[in-house]
N, C-alpha and C. Protein backbone atom coordinates (compact mmCIF):
# COMPACT_ATOMS: atom_id res chain seq x y z
N GLU A 1 0.73 -1.22 -0.08
CA GLU A 1 0.06 -0.08 0.00
C GLU A 1 0.97 1.23 -0.03
N PRO A 2 0.73 2.01 -1.01
CA PRO A 2 1.64 3.25 -1.00
C PRO A 2 1.62 4.31 0.12
N TYR A 3 0.46 4.21 0.93
CA TYR A 3 0.36 5.25 1.90
C TYR A 3 -0.13 4.32 3.12
N PRO A 4 0.56 3.88 4.09
CA PRO A 4 0.15 2.98 5.00
C PRO A 4 -0.95 3.53 6.14
N ALA A 5 -1.67 2.79 6.69
CA ALA A 5 -2.81 3.07 7.50
C ALA A 5 -2.17 3.71 8.77
N ALA A 6 -1.06 3.16 9.25
CA ALA A 6 -0.50 3.67 10.43
C ALA A 6 0.11 5.26 10.41
N ARG A 7 0.40 5.47 9.28
CA ARG A 7 0.93 6.85 8.71
C ARG A 7 -0.28 7.89 8.83
N ARG A 8 -1.39 7.33 8.17
CA ARG A 8 -2.81 8.08 8.12
C ARG A 8 -3.17 8.32 9.52
N ALA A 9 -3.29 7.25 10.34
CA ALA A 9 -3.67 7.40 11.82
C ALA A 9 -2.83 8.43 12.41
N GLY A 10 -1.53 8.44 12.34
CA GLY A 10 -0.50 9.36 12.86
C GLY A 10 -0.79 10.83 12.62
N GLU A 11 -1.16 10.90 11.40
CA GLU A 11 -1.56 12.38 10.94
C GLU A 11 -2.75 12.77 11.56
N LEU A 12 -3.78 11.87 11.51
CA LEU A 12 -5.01 12.18 12.02
C LEU A 12 -4.67 12.66 13.79
N GLU A 13 -3.98 11.83 14.34
CA GLU A 13 -3.66 12.00 15.63
C GLU A 13 -3.12 13.48 15.94
N ALA A 14 -2.08 13.97 14.95
CA ALA A 14 -1.39 15.08 15.13
C ALA A 14 -2.36 16.20 14.71
N TYR A 15 -3.28 16.05 13.77
CA TYR A 15 -4.43 16.94 13.54
C TYR A 15 -5.25 17.30 14.76
N ALA A 16 -5.61 16.08 15.37
CA ALA A 16 -6.52 16.15 16.61
C ALA A 16 -5.77 17.12 17.74
N ARG A 17 -4.46 16.76 17.88
CA ARG A 17 -3.84 17.62 18.97
C ARG A 17 -3.70 18.97 18.66
N LEU A 18 -3.48 19.33 17.39
CA LEU A 18 -3.39 20.74 17.08
C LEU A 18 -4.75 21.47 17.07
N LEU A 19 -5.82 20.71 16.88
CA LEU A 19 -7.13 21.29 17.03
C LEU A 19 -7.44 21.71 18.38
N VAL A 20 -7.06 20.75 19.31
CA VAL A 20 -7.24 21.02 20.74
C VAL A 20 -6.37 22.24 21.25
N GLU A 21 -5.13 22.17 20.84
CA GLU A 21 -4.23 23.26 21.34
C GLU A 21 -4.72 24.67 20.73
N TRP A 22 -5.04 24.85 19.39
CA TRP A 22 -5.42 25.90 18.83
C TRP A 22 -6.83 26.24 19.43
N ASN A 23 -7.58 25.40 19.71
CA ASN A 23 -9.07 25.80 20.21
C ASN A 23 -9.11 26.48 21.54
N ARG A 24 -7.97 26.43 22.24
CA ARG A 24 -7.82 27.20 23.49
C ARG A 24 -7.76 28.73 23.17
N ARG A 25 -7.25 28.97 22.04
CA ARG A 25 -7.00 30.37 21.67
C ARG A 25 -8.11 31.13 20.76
N MET A 26 -8.75 30.03 19.89
CA MET A 26 -9.90 30.45 18.92
C MET A 26 -10.96 29.49 19.07
N ASN A 27 -12.13 29.81 18.59
CA ASN A 27 -13.30 28.91 18.67
C ASN A 27 -13.26 28.11 17.51
N LEU A 28 -12.80 26.81 17.41
CA LEU A 28 -12.64 26.03 16.15
C LEU A 28 -13.74 24.90 16.27
N THR A 29 -13.87 24.39 17.56
CA THR A 29 -14.85 23.35 17.70
C THR A 29 -15.43 23.19 19.00
N ALA A 30 -16.61 22.66 19.26
CA ALA A 30 -17.22 22.26 20.64
C ALA A 30 -16.69 20.91 21.17
N ILE A 31 -16.36 20.25 20.19
CA ILE A 31 -16.06 18.87 20.52
C ILE A 31 -14.34 18.66 20.62
N THR A 32 -13.89 18.39 21.96
CA THR A 32 -12.46 18.39 21.98
C THR A 32 -12.04 17.26 22.78
N ASP A 33 -12.89 16.30 23.01
CA ASP A 33 -12.41 15.03 23.72
C ASP A 33 -11.91 14.11 22.52
N PRO A 34 -10.91 13.04 22.93
CA PRO A 34 -10.33 12.41 21.78
C PRO A 34 -11.44 11.48 20.95
N ALA A 35 -12.25 10.90 21.86
CA ALA A 35 -13.37 10.02 21.28
C ALA A 35 -14.31 10.78 20.47
N GLY A 36 -14.69 11.98 20.80
CA GLY A 36 -15.58 12.89 20.13
C GLY A 36 -14.89 13.26 18.81
N ILE A 37 -13.55 13.74 18.91
CA ILE A 37 -13.03 14.23 17.66
C ILE A 37 -12.79 12.90 16.50
N ALA A 38 -12.56 11.92 17.10
CA ALA A 38 -12.23 10.63 16.25
C ALA A 38 -13.74 10.27 15.53
N VAL A 39 -14.79 10.36 16.35
CA VAL A 39 -16.13 9.84 15.73
C VAL A 39 -16.71 10.85 15.01
N ARG A 40 -16.98 12.17 15.70
CA ARG A 40 -17.91 13.06 15.08
C ARG A 40 -17.32 14.04 14.13
N HIS A 41 -15.86 14.04 14.38
CA HIS A 41 -15.18 14.76 13.31
C HIS A 41 -14.51 13.91 12.03
N PHE A 42 -13.63 12.83 12.53
CA PHE A 42 -12.94 12.37 11.51
C PHE A 42 -13.79 11.23 10.87
N ALA A 43 -14.52 10.27 11.75
CA ALA A 43 -15.09 9.10 11.03
C ALA A 43 -16.38 9.76 10.11
N ASP A 44 -16.92 10.86 10.82
CA ASP A 44 -17.99 11.57 9.98
C ASP A 44 -17.46 12.18 8.54
N SER A 45 -16.37 12.71 8.64
CA SER A 45 -15.71 13.34 7.41
C SER A 45 -15.48 12.08 6.48
N LEU A 46 -14.82 11.09 6.98
CA LEU A 46 -14.33 10.05 6.02
C LEU A 46 -15.40 9.13 5.51
N SER A 47 -16.66 9.33 6.04
CA SER A 47 -17.76 8.51 5.57
C SER A 47 -17.86 8.94 3.93
N LEU A 48 -17.46 10.20 3.53
CA LEU A 48 -17.59 10.69 2.34
C LEU A 48 -16.96 9.65 1.20
N LEU A 49 -15.72 9.30 1.74
CA LEU A 49 -15.00 8.36 0.95
C LEU A 49 -15.59 7.01 0.47
N ALA A 50 -16.54 6.55 1.53
CA ALA A 50 -17.31 5.42 1.17
C ALA A 50 -18.49 5.62 0.44
N LEU A 51 -19.14 6.63 0.51
CA LEU A 51 -20.40 6.92 -0.04
C LEU A 51 -20.42 7.78 -1.18
N CYS A 52 -19.31 8.48 -1.43
CA CYS A 52 -19.12 9.34 -2.63
C CYS A 52 -17.65 9.44 -3.03
N PRO A 53 -17.11 8.27 -3.40
CA PRO A 53 -15.66 8.34 -3.72
C PRO A 53 -15.27 9.12 -4.87
N PRO A 54 -14.25 10.11 -4.70
CA PRO A 54 -13.74 10.73 -5.73
C PRO A 54 -12.73 9.90 -6.55
N ALA A 55 -12.72 10.15 -7.91
CA ALA A 55 -11.74 9.46 -8.70
C ALA A 55 -10.18 9.89 -8.34
N PRO A 56 -9.20 9.03 -8.72
CA PRO A 56 -7.72 9.39 -8.29
C PRO A 56 -7.32 10.96 -8.86
N GLY A 57 -6.80 11.55 -7.82
CA GLY A 57 -6.46 12.91 -8.31
C GLY A 57 -7.49 13.96 -8.64
N ALA A 58 -8.77 13.58 -7.99
CA ALA A 58 -9.90 14.46 -8.18
C ALA A 58 -9.73 16.04 -7.53
N ALA A 59 -10.20 16.91 -8.04
CA ALA A 59 -10.21 18.30 -7.37
C ALA A 59 -11.49 18.23 -6.57
N VAL A 60 -11.08 18.70 -5.18
CA VAL A 60 -12.17 18.60 -4.10
C VAL A 60 -12.16 20.06 -3.41
N LEU A 61 -13.21 20.58 -3.23
CA LEU A 61 -13.57 21.85 -2.50
C LEU A 61 -14.37 21.69 -1.28
N ASP A 62 -13.79 22.21 -0.11
CA ASP A 62 -14.64 22.10 0.95
C ASP A 62 -14.91 23.51 1.41
N VAL A 63 -16.23 23.79 1.26
CA VAL A 63 -16.83 25.20 1.38
C VAL A 63 -17.21 25.53 2.71
N GLY A 64 -16.69 26.66 3.20
CA GLY A 64 -16.90 26.88 4.79
C GLY A 64 -16.32 25.91 5.60
N THR A 65 -15.03 25.56 5.57
CA THR A 65 -14.36 24.57 5.85
C THR A 65 -14.08 24.57 7.51
N GLY A 66 -14.08 25.70 7.84
CA GLY A 66 -13.97 25.95 9.60
C GLY A 66 -12.64 25.44 10.02
N ALA A 67 -12.74 24.42 10.75
CA ALA A 67 -11.54 23.78 11.31
C ALA A 67 -11.04 22.61 10.35
N GLY A 68 -11.35 22.80 9.01
CA GLY A 68 -10.72 21.75 8.14
C GLY A 68 -11.55 20.52 7.85
N LEU A 69 -12.90 20.64 8.23
CA LEU A 69 -13.70 19.43 8.18
C LEU A 69 -14.84 19.56 7.25
N PRO A 70 -14.85 18.64 6.36
CA PRO A 70 -14.36 17.38 6.24
C PRO A 70 -13.08 17.31 5.35
N GLY A 71 -12.48 18.34 4.86
CA GLY A 71 -11.60 18.51 3.83
C GLY A 71 -10.35 17.73 4.23
N LEU A 72 -9.73 18.33 5.49
CA LEU A 72 -8.40 17.73 5.80
C LEU A 72 -8.43 16.14 6.11
N PRO A 73 -9.29 15.51 6.78
CA PRO A 73 -9.34 14.15 6.92
C PRO A 73 -9.39 13.32 5.49
N LEU A 74 -10.00 13.99 4.57
CA LEU A 74 -10.05 13.44 3.22
C LEU A 74 -8.79 13.50 2.53
N LYS A 75 -7.96 14.36 2.76
CA LYS A 75 -6.55 14.66 2.32
C LYS A 75 -5.81 13.76 2.91
N ILE A 76 -5.85 13.62 4.29
CA ILE A 76 -5.02 12.65 5.00
C ILE A 76 -5.17 11.28 4.50
N TRP A 77 -6.31 10.92 4.41
CA TRP A 77 -6.79 9.64 4.02
C TRP A 77 -6.30 9.30 2.45
N ARG A 78 -6.62 10.39 1.74
CA ARG A 78 -6.34 10.18 0.14
C ARG A 78 -5.47 11.36 -0.38
N PRO A 79 -4.07 11.22 -0.04
CA PRO A 79 -3.20 12.41 -0.28
C PRO A 79 -3.15 12.63 -1.97
N ASP A 80 -3.74 11.78 -2.58
CA ASP A 80 -3.69 11.99 -4.21
C ASP A 80 -4.89 13.14 -4.53
N LEU A 81 -5.81 13.56 -3.49
CA LEU A 81 -6.81 14.46 -3.96
C LEU A 81 -6.24 15.72 -3.97
N GLU A 82 -6.57 16.66 -4.94
CA GLU A 82 -6.24 18.02 -4.91
C GLU A 82 -7.28 18.79 -4.17
N LEU A 83 -6.91 19.30 -2.92
CA LEU A 83 -7.73 19.81 -2.13
C LEU A 83 -7.73 21.38 -2.05
N THR A 84 -9.00 21.92 -2.14
CA THR A 84 -9.05 23.38 -1.93
C THR A 84 -9.99 23.51 -0.69
N LEU A 85 -9.36 24.49 0.17
CA LEU A 85 -10.22 24.80 1.53
C LEU A 85 -10.73 26.22 1.44
N LEU A 86 -11.99 26.55 1.49
CA LEU A 86 -12.50 27.93 1.61
C LEU A 86 -13.10 28.32 2.75
N ASP A 87 -12.76 29.51 3.28
CA ASP A 87 -13.32 29.84 4.39
C ASP A 87 -13.14 31.43 4.52
N SER A 88 -14.27 32.20 5.15
CA SER A 88 -14.29 33.49 5.19
C SER A 88 -13.51 34.03 6.26
N GLN A 89 -12.94 33.35 7.18
CA GLN A 89 -12.31 33.77 8.40
C GLN A 89 -10.86 33.58 8.37
N THR A 90 -10.08 34.48 8.41
CA THR A 90 -8.59 34.49 8.30
C THR A 90 -7.97 33.59 9.39
N LYS A 91 -8.50 33.76 10.69
CA LYS A 91 -7.93 32.90 11.63
C LYS A 91 -7.89 31.43 11.46
N ARG A 92 -9.18 31.08 10.95
CA ARG A 92 -9.16 29.56 10.55
C ARG A 92 -8.23 29.33 9.74
N LEU A 93 -7.96 30.00 8.48
CA LEU A 93 -7.02 29.65 7.63
C LEU A 93 -5.67 29.61 8.14
N THR A 94 -5.33 30.46 9.00
CA THR A 94 -4.02 30.41 9.77
C THR A 94 -3.93 29.11 10.48
N PHE A 95 -4.81 28.56 11.13
CA PHE A 95 -4.77 27.43 11.83
C PHE A 95 -4.53 26.11 10.71
N LEU A 96 -5.40 26.30 9.73
CA LEU A 96 -5.29 25.28 8.62
C LEU A 96 -3.92 25.11 8.00
N ALA A 97 -3.31 26.47 7.80
CA ALA A 97 -2.00 26.53 7.27
C ALA A 97 -0.95 25.82 8.29
N ALA A 98 -1.11 26.06 9.51
CA ALA A 98 -0.15 25.38 10.57
C ALA A 98 -0.32 23.87 10.36
N VAL A 99 -1.54 23.36 10.30
CA VAL A 99 -1.89 21.84 10.25
C VAL A 99 -1.17 21.26 9.09
N LEU A 100 -1.28 21.99 7.82
CA LEU A 100 -0.74 21.42 6.71
C LEU A 100 0.76 21.51 6.72
N GLU A 101 1.33 22.58 7.32
CA GLU A 101 2.70 22.59 7.43
C GLU A 101 3.30 21.53 8.24
N GLU A 102 2.64 21.19 9.40
CA GLU A 102 2.98 20.08 10.37
C GLU A 102 2.92 18.91 9.64
N LEU A 103 1.84 18.57 8.99
CA LEU A 103 1.69 17.19 8.36
C LEU A 103 2.42 17.05 7.17
N GLY A 104 2.96 18.15 6.64
CA GLY A 104 3.75 18.09 5.22
C GLY A 104 2.75 17.72 4.08
N LEU A 105 1.49 18.30 4.37
CA LEU A 105 0.49 18.19 3.10
C LEU A 105 0.28 19.38 2.26
N ALA A 106 -0.08 19.38 1.30
CA ALA A 106 -0.46 20.50 0.28
C ALA A 106 -1.94 20.76 0.18
N ALA A 107 -2.41 21.83 0.14
CA ALA A 107 -3.76 22.16 -0.27
C ALA A 107 -3.83 23.65 -0.54
N ARG A 108 -4.93 24.13 -1.39
CA ARG A 108 -4.91 25.49 -1.69
C ARG A 108 -5.90 25.94 -0.51
N LEU A 109 -5.52 27.18 -0.04
CA LEU A 109 -6.45 27.82 1.02
C LEU A 109 -6.95 29.16 0.32
N VAL A 110 -8.26 29.32 0.31
CA VAL A 110 -9.12 30.55 -0.22
C VAL A 110 -9.75 31.14 0.86
N HIS A 111 -9.26 32.50 0.98
CA HIS A 111 -9.89 33.34 1.95
C HIS A 111 -10.96 34.02 1.26
N ALA A 112 -12.30 33.84 1.37
CA ALA A 112 -13.22 34.54 0.69
C ALA A 112 -14.77 33.95 1.27
N ARG A 113 -15.69 34.83 0.93
CA ARG A 113 -17.02 34.35 0.99
C ARG A 113 -17.38 33.53 0.11
N ALA A 114 -18.15 32.44 0.34
CA ALA A 114 -18.42 31.35 -0.81
C ALA A 114 -19.15 31.97 -1.90
N GLU A 115 -19.98 33.09 -1.67
CA GLU A 115 -20.81 33.54 -2.91
C GLU A 115 -20.08 34.37 -3.90
N GLU A 116 -18.91 34.97 -3.17
CA GLU A 116 -18.00 35.90 -4.05
C GLU A 116 -17.08 35.08 -4.84
N ALA A 117 -16.37 34.07 -4.06
CA ALA A 117 -15.22 33.24 -4.80
C ALA A 117 -15.84 32.54 -6.07
N ALA A 118 -17.04 32.29 -5.89
CA ALA A 118 -17.82 31.34 -6.97
C ALA A 118 -17.80 32.24 -8.38
N ARG A 119 -17.42 33.44 -8.32
CA ARG A 119 -17.43 34.30 -9.47
C ARG A 119 -16.05 34.28 -10.24
N ASN A 120 -15.09 33.64 -9.35
CA ASN A 120 -13.76 33.53 -9.83
C ASN A 120 -13.66 32.41 -11.00
N PRO A 121 -13.27 32.63 -12.16
CA PRO A 121 -13.19 31.63 -13.31
C PRO A 121 -12.39 30.52 -12.85
N ASP A 122 -11.32 30.62 -11.89
CA ASP A 122 -10.40 29.80 -11.58
C ASP A 122 -11.00 28.69 -10.76
N LEU A 123 -12.01 29.10 -10.12
CA LEU A 123 -12.90 28.22 -9.13
C LEU A 123 -14.26 27.64 -9.65
N ARG A 124 -14.89 28.41 -10.38
CA ARG A 124 -16.21 28.06 -10.91
C ARG A 124 -16.26 26.76 -11.70
N GLU A 125 -17.11 25.93 -11.36
CA GLU A 125 -17.33 24.54 -12.15
C GLU A 125 -15.99 23.84 -12.45
N ARG A 126 -15.12 23.79 -11.41
CA ARG A 126 -13.94 23.35 -11.52
C ARG A 126 -13.58 22.05 -10.77
N PHE A 127 -14.58 21.71 -9.87
CA PHE A 127 -14.27 20.69 -8.90
C PHE A 127 -15.23 19.49 -9.18
N ALA A 128 -14.53 18.32 -9.09
CA ALA A 128 -15.16 16.97 -9.13
C ALA A 128 -16.17 16.74 -8.08
N LEU A 129 -15.52 17.24 -6.80
CA LEU A 129 -16.49 16.91 -5.60
C LEU A 129 -16.33 18.24 -4.82
N VAL A 130 -17.56 18.67 -4.57
CA VAL A 130 -17.65 19.91 -3.54
C VAL A 130 -18.33 19.39 -2.37
N THR A 131 -17.99 19.71 -1.25
CA THR A 131 -18.72 19.38 0.11
C THR A 131 -18.71 20.55 0.98
N ALA A 132 -19.76 20.26 1.92
CA ALA A 132 -19.94 21.33 3.02
C ALA A 132 -20.46 20.64 4.16
N ARG A 133 -20.19 20.92 5.42
CA ARG A 133 -20.71 20.33 6.57
C ARG A 133 -20.98 21.37 7.73
N ALA A 134 -22.31 21.15 8.00
CA ALA A 134 -22.82 22.11 9.09
C ALA A 134 -22.71 23.71 8.69
N VAL A 135 -23.02 23.98 7.42
CA VAL A 135 -22.83 25.20 7.04
C VAL A 135 -24.09 26.22 6.82
N ALA A 136 -25.17 25.74 6.39
CA ALA A 136 -26.41 26.37 5.97
C ALA A 136 -27.48 25.34 5.71
N PRO A 137 -28.72 25.53 5.75
CA PRO A 137 -29.86 24.98 5.12
C PRO A 137 -29.67 24.61 3.65
N LEU A 138 -30.17 23.38 3.25
CA LEU A 138 -29.79 22.97 1.99
C LEU A 138 -30.08 23.81 0.86
N PRO A 139 -31.34 24.51 0.71
CA PRO A 139 -31.56 25.43 -0.37
C PRO A 139 -30.40 26.52 -0.56
N VAL A 140 -30.02 27.09 0.66
CA VAL A 140 -28.96 28.07 0.54
C VAL A 140 -27.63 27.48 0.19
N LEU A 141 -27.51 26.14 0.74
CA LEU A 141 -26.07 25.56 0.50
C LEU A 141 -25.96 25.12 -0.88
N CYS A 142 -27.08 24.77 -1.62
CA CYS A 142 -27.06 24.59 -3.05
C CYS A 142 -26.35 25.63 -3.89
N GLU A 143 -26.93 26.99 -3.38
CA GLU A 143 -26.47 28.02 -4.27
C GLU A 143 -25.12 28.58 -3.96
N TYR A 144 -24.68 28.22 -2.66
CA TYR A 144 -23.22 28.34 -2.38
C TYR A 144 -22.26 27.42 -3.11
N CYS A 145 -22.83 26.16 -3.21
CA CYS A 145 -21.79 25.03 -3.62
C CYS A 145 -21.94 24.47 -5.26
N LEU A 146 -23.17 24.66 -5.64
CA LEU A 146 -23.32 24.10 -7.07
C LEU A 146 -22.58 24.84 -8.09
N PRO A 147 -22.41 26.19 -7.84
CA PRO A 147 -21.52 26.92 -8.83
C PRO A 147 -20.06 26.48 -9.00
N TYR A 148 -19.63 26.01 -8.02
CA TYR A 148 -18.24 25.32 -7.97
C TYR A 148 -18.12 23.88 -8.46
N THR A 149 -19.19 23.31 -8.59
CA THR A 149 -19.27 21.94 -8.92
C THR A 149 -19.09 21.76 -10.55
N ALA A 150 -18.32 20.96 -10.94
CA ALA A 150 -18.15 20.86 -12.59
C ALA A 150 -19.37 19.91 -13.09
N VAL A 151 -19.75 20.26 -14.12
CA VAL A 151 -20.74 19.36 -14.79
C VAL A 151 -20.29 18.04 -14.82
N GLY A 152 -21.00 17.00 -14.33
CA GLY A 152 -20.71 15.56 -14.09
C GLY A 152 -20.19 15.34 -12.86
N GLY A 153 -19.95 16.32 -11.91
CA GLY A 153 -19.21 16.22 -10.69
C GLY A 153 -20.35 16.19 -9.61
N CYS A 154 -20.09 15.91 -8.35
CA CYS A 154 -21.03 15.88 -7.36
C CYS A 154 -20.78 16.74 -6.22
N PHE A 155 -21.85 17.32 -5.75
CA PHE A 155 -21.91 18.17 -4.48
C PHE A 155 -22.41 17.31 -3.36
N ALA A 156 -21.66 17.02 -2.41
CA ALA A 156 -22.20 16.03 -1.21
C ALA A 156 -22.55 17.01 -0.10
N ALA A 157 -23.68 17.09 0.31
CA ALA A 157 -24.02 17.85 1.58
C ALA A 157 -24.13 17.01 2.64
N MET A 158 -23.34 17.23 3.77
CA MET A 158 -23.42 16.37 4.95
C MET A 158 -24.40 16.98 6.05
N LYS A 159 -25.37 16.16 6.38
CA LYS A 159 -26.40 16.62 7.18
C LYS A 159 -26.76 15.68 8.29
N GLY A 160 -27.62 16.30 9.20
CA GLY A 160 -28.23 15.42 10.16
C GLY A 160 -29.47 14.77 9.79
N PRO A 161 -30.26 14.25 10.91
CA PRO A 161 -31.57 13.60 10.63
C PRO A 161 -32.64 14.28 9.79
N GLY A 162 -32.61 15.75 9.85
CA GLY A 162 -33.78 16.45 9.13
C GLY A 162 -33.35 16.56 7.66
N ALA A 163 -32.43 15.83 6.96
CA ALA A 163 -32.06 16.10 5.61
C ALA A 163 -33.07 15.93 4.61
N GLU A 164 -33.88 14.90 4.79
CA GLU A 164 -35.04 14.59 3.81
C GLU A 164 -36.10 15.85 3.46
N GLU A 165 -36.24 16.39 4.75
CA GLU A 165 -37.00 17.60 4.66
C GLU A 165 -36.40 18.70 3.84
N GLU A 166 -35.17 18.95 4.12
CA GLU A 166 -34.44 20.01 3.57
C GLU A 166 -34.29 19.70 1.96
N LEU A 167 -34.23 18.37 1.65
CA LEU A 167 -34.08 18.13 0.23
C LEU A 167 -35.53 18.54 -0.41
N ARG A 168 -36.55 18.30 0.16
CA ARG A 168 -37.85 18.65 -0.56
C ARG A 168 -38.06 19.93 -0.55
N GLN A 169 -37.37 20.77 0.31
CA GLN A 169 -37.44 22.29 0.19
C GLN A 169 -36.61 22.69 -0.81
N SER A 170 -35.67 21.99 -1.38
CA SER A 170 -34.59 22.42 -2.25
C SER A 170 -34.78 22.21 -3.66
N ALA A 171 -36.26 21.58 -4.02
CA ALA A 171 -36.35 21.20 -5.45
C ALA A 171 -36.11 22.33 -6.45
N ARG A 172 -36.74 23.53 -6.06
CA ARG A 172 -36.58 24.72 -7.13
C ARG A 172 -35.15 25.10 -7.29
N ALA A 173 -34.33 25.16 -6.00
CA ALA A 173 -33.05 25.51 -5.96
C ALA A 173 -32.25 24.54 -7.00
N LEU A 174 -32.52 23.39 -6.79
CA LEU A 174 -31.70 22.43 -7.66
C LEU A 174 -32.21 22.55 -9.19
N SER A 175 -33.30 22.76 -9.50
CA SER A 175 -33.55 23.05 -11.06
C SER A 175 -33.07 24.23 -11.59
N LEU A 176 -32.99 25.16 -10.71
CA LEU A 176 -32.42 26.60 -11.14
C LEU A 176 -31.04 26.37 -11.38
N LEU A 177 -30.26 25.66 -10.35
CA LEU A 177 -28.81 25.65 -10.43
C LEU A 177 -28.08 24.51 -11.03
N GLY A 178 -28.98 23.53 -11.71
CA GLY A 178 -28.29 22.65 -12.55
C GLY A 178 -27.91 21.28 -11.71
N GLY A 179 -28.54 21.07 -10.50
CA GLY A 179 -28.27 19.88 -9.79
C GLY A 179 -29.56 18.88 -9.97
N ARG A 180 -29.23 17.65 -9.57
CA ARG A 180 -30.25 16.49 -9.39
C ARG A 180 -29.82 15.74 -8.41
N ALA A 181 -30.74 15.52 -7.41
CA ALA A 181 -30.54 14.85 -6.20
C ALA A 181 -30.38 13.32 -6.33
N GLY A 182 -29.41 12.75 -5.73
CA GLY A 182 -29.45 11.31 -5.64
C GLY A 182 -29.98 10.72 -4.46
N SER A 183 -29.96 9.31 -4.25
CA SER A 183 -30.38 8.82 -2.93
C SER A 183 -29.65 9.09 -1.80
N PRO A 184 -30.37 9.70 -0.69
CA PRO A 184 -29.76 10.09 0.50
C PRO A 184 -29.04 8.78 1.07
N ALA A 185 -27.91 8.89 1.65
CA ALA A 185 -27.17 7.85 2.43
C ALA A 185 -27.22 8.09 3.79
N ARG A 186 -27.94 7.16 4.48
CA ARG A 186 -28.18 7.40 6.02
C ARG A 186 -27.17 6.32 6.82
N PHE A 187 -26.52 6.89 7.70
CA PHE A 187 -25.64 6.11 8.45
C PHE A 187 -25.68 6.57 10.02
N THR A 188 -25.08 5.82 10.83
CA THR A 188 -25.12 6.19 12.31
C THR A 188 -23.86 6.01 12.81
N LEU A 189 -23.18 7.18 13.45
CA LEU A 189 -21.82 7.13 13.95
C LEU A 189 -21.68 6.20 15.14
N ALA A 190 -20.49 5.87 15.61
CA ALA A 190 -20.37 5.02 16.82
C ALA A 190 -20.98 5.67 17.95
N ASP A 191 -21.20 6.87 18.04
CA ASP A 191 -21.62 7.26 19.32
C ASP A 191 -23.41 7.59 19.21
N GLY A 192 -23.79 6.91 18.11
CA GLY A 192 -25.26 6.91 17.96
C GLY A 192 -25.71 8.23 17.27
N SER A 193 -24.95 9.07 16.92
CA SER A 193 -25.43 10.26 16.07
C SER A 193 -25.80 9.74 14.69
N ARG A 194 -27.02 10.44 14.28
CA ARG A 194 -27.62 10.03 13.05
C ARG A 194 -27.10 11.01 11.88
N ARG A 195 -26.64 10.51 10.80
CA ARG A 195 -26.23 11.32 9.68
C ARG A 195 -26.77 10.94 8.46
N VAL A 196 -26.88 11.85 7.51
CA VAL A 196 -27.35 11.85 6.15
C VAL A 196 -26.35 12.42 5.25
N LEU A 197 -25.98 11.76 4.24
CA LEU A 197 -25.14 12.20 3.13
C LEU A 197 -25.97 12.37 1.89
N LEU A 198 -26.23 13.75 1.36
CA LEU A 198 -27.11 14.00 0.26
C LEU A 198 -26.25 14.08 -0.98
N PRO A 199 -25.99 13.27 -1.95
CA PRO A 199 -25.21 13.44 -3.11
C PRO A 199 -26.17 14.01 -4.25
N ILE A 200 -25.58 15.20 -4.68
CA ILE A 200 -26.22 15.98 -5.74
C ILE A 200 -25.25 16.10 -6.98
N GLN A 201 -25.95 15.51 -8.04
CA GLN A 201 -25.21 15.44 -9.25
C GLN A 201 -25.29 16.82 -10.00
N LYS A 202 -24.23 17.26 -10.57
CA LYS A 202 -24.28 18.48 -11.41
C LYS A 202 -24.55 18.13 -12.93
N CYS A 203 -25.80 18.33 -13.42
CA CYS A 203 -26.15 17.88 -14.82
C CYS A 203 -26.15 18.78 -15.79
N ARG A 204 -25.96 20.23 -15.43
CA ARG A 204 -25.84 21.27 -16.46
C ARG A 204 -25.23 22.42 -15.84
N PRO A 205 -24.68 23.38 -16.62
CA PRO A 205 -23.94 24.71 -15.83
C PRO A 205 -24.98 25.28 -15.23
N THR A 206 -24.40 26.06 -14.18
CA THR A 206 -25.25 26.94 -13.31
C THR A 206 -25.36 28.27 -14.04
N PRO A 207 -26.39 28.71 -14.27
CA PRO A 207 -26.62 30.09 -14.97
C PRO A 207 -25.71 31.27 -14.19
N ALA A 208 -25.35 32.12 -14.97
CA ALA A 208 -24.35 33.18 -14.62
C ALA A 208 -24.94 34.17 -13.37
N ALA A 209 -26.26 34.17 -13.23
CA ALA A 209 -27.05 34.94 -12.25
C ALA A 209 -26.68 34.44 -11.03
N TYR A 210 -26.23 33.07 -10.77
CA TYR A 210 -25.98 32.53 -9.47
C TYR A 210 -24.64 32.36 -9.32
N PRO A 211 -24.07 32.41 -8.03
CA PRO A 211 -24.81 32.76 -6.76
C PRO A 211 -25.19 34.31 -6.69
N ARG A 212 -26.31 34.63 -6.00
CA ARG A 212 -26.62 36.06 -5.90
C ARG A 212 -25.78 36.62 -4.91
N ALA A 213 -25.87 37.89 -4.55
CA ALA A 213 -24.99 38.55 -3.45
C ALA A 213 -25.47 37.91 -2.25
N GLY A 214 -24.59 37.78 -1.19
CA GLY A 214 -24.71 37.09 0.09
C GLY A 214 -25.99 37.12 0.81
N GLY A 215 -26.30 38.39 1.21
CA GLY A 215 -27.59 38.45 2.08
C GLY A 215 -28.71 38.06 1.52
N ARG A 216 -28.98 38.10 0.05
CA ARG A 216 -30.16 37.67 -0.60
C ARG A 216 -30.23 36.24 -0.57
N ILE A 217 -29.15 35.47 -0.59
CA ILE A 217 -29.26 34.05 -0.68
C ILE A 217 -29.83 33.52 0.81
N ALA A 218 -29.45 34.11 1.84
CA ALA A 218 -29.93 33.65 3.12
C ALA A 218 -31.45 34.19 3.42
N LYS A 219 -31.61 35.48 3.00
CA LYS A 219 -32.86 36.14 3.26
C LYS A 219 -34.03 35.43 2.30
N LYS A 220 -33.63 35.22 1.16
CA LYS A 220 -34.53 34.70 0.11
C LYS A 220 -34.09 33.49 -0.41
N PRO A 221 -34.12 32.32 0.16
CA PRO A 221 -33.66 31.22 -0.50
C PRO A 221 -34.47 30.76 -1.75
N LEU A 222 -33.82 30.30 -2.73
CA LEU A 222 -34.54 29.85 -4.02
C LEU A 222 -35.74 28.91 -3.72
C-alpha cells in the first residue's frame, strides 16, 4: 500500500492535537475529547470516501471548511486528492496552514465568502467533488456550492436527521442551479449520532446569475 494506515492514523492524531491546542485560543470546535474528535469529526468526514468516492487525483473543494472538516481528513486519507479549503475567516485559515505545514500536506487555501469566490473563473465549475458540513440549510447551501461543481461532478451535503425535509425544500434551487438529487445515504456514527449524506449530481452549468449577493441567498432562498 503506497500510503500505510499507520501513517494516516498518526497524521489524524497530530491534527486532533493541533485542533485541541489552537481551540484554546480561538473557537474552532465544541468537541475536544479524543473520542468525540475521532467519531464526530474524523469518522463523519471520512464517510464521504465510502459513500461518494472521488476518482484518483480529483479536485475537491470544502466550502466553509472551518477547522478543516471534512476536507483535511479526506486529504490525510487520500493524499492524491487536489484539495481546496475555502473559508471567510482569516484565523481559521491560519490554523489550517499550520496543520498542513506540520503534516507536510499541500492544499490550496482560499480566503473568501462562498458566494464571492464562485465568480472566480479559476474556481467556478472546476471541482469533481464539492462538500460542506454544518454550514447552512440545503436550499442556501446549493446556491453556495453548485456553482463550484463541475458538470458531471458531485456536491455532497453532509447533514443530520432532518435532511430529507431539507431536500424537499430544495427542489426549486436544484432545478435552477443545474443539480439533481441522488439517493440520501443514511448512517449512524459510533456514538449513536444519525447522519445523512445527500449526493447532488451536477447535470448542467449553473446560470451566470447565481450565486446572488450574500444577503439575498440567506434572506430569500431559492
